[in-house]
């Protein structure tokens, strides 16, 4: 029983470490993308943001998407990242 509990705790710790690593990677990519978008000229920034918003609208219009909540989460994250570029 102790061996099983120990193994479960080890597995949980490994999953937590992997989750932290993934979170750090996502945060790094968000910062990188925001910086890249911000470094572009106003016209190019507006073009990219418009393209992303169009793609999201097209995804929302699709009827075969089963994970609408995932799409809204994605949209919220993209809005947060592109808001940095829009402030320029």
Foldseek 3Di string as FASTA:
>chain_A
DVVVVVVVVVVVVVVVVVVVVVVVVVVVVLVVVLVVLQVDDLVVSVVVLVVVVVVLVVVVPDPPDPCVVVSVVVVVSSCVSSVSNVVD
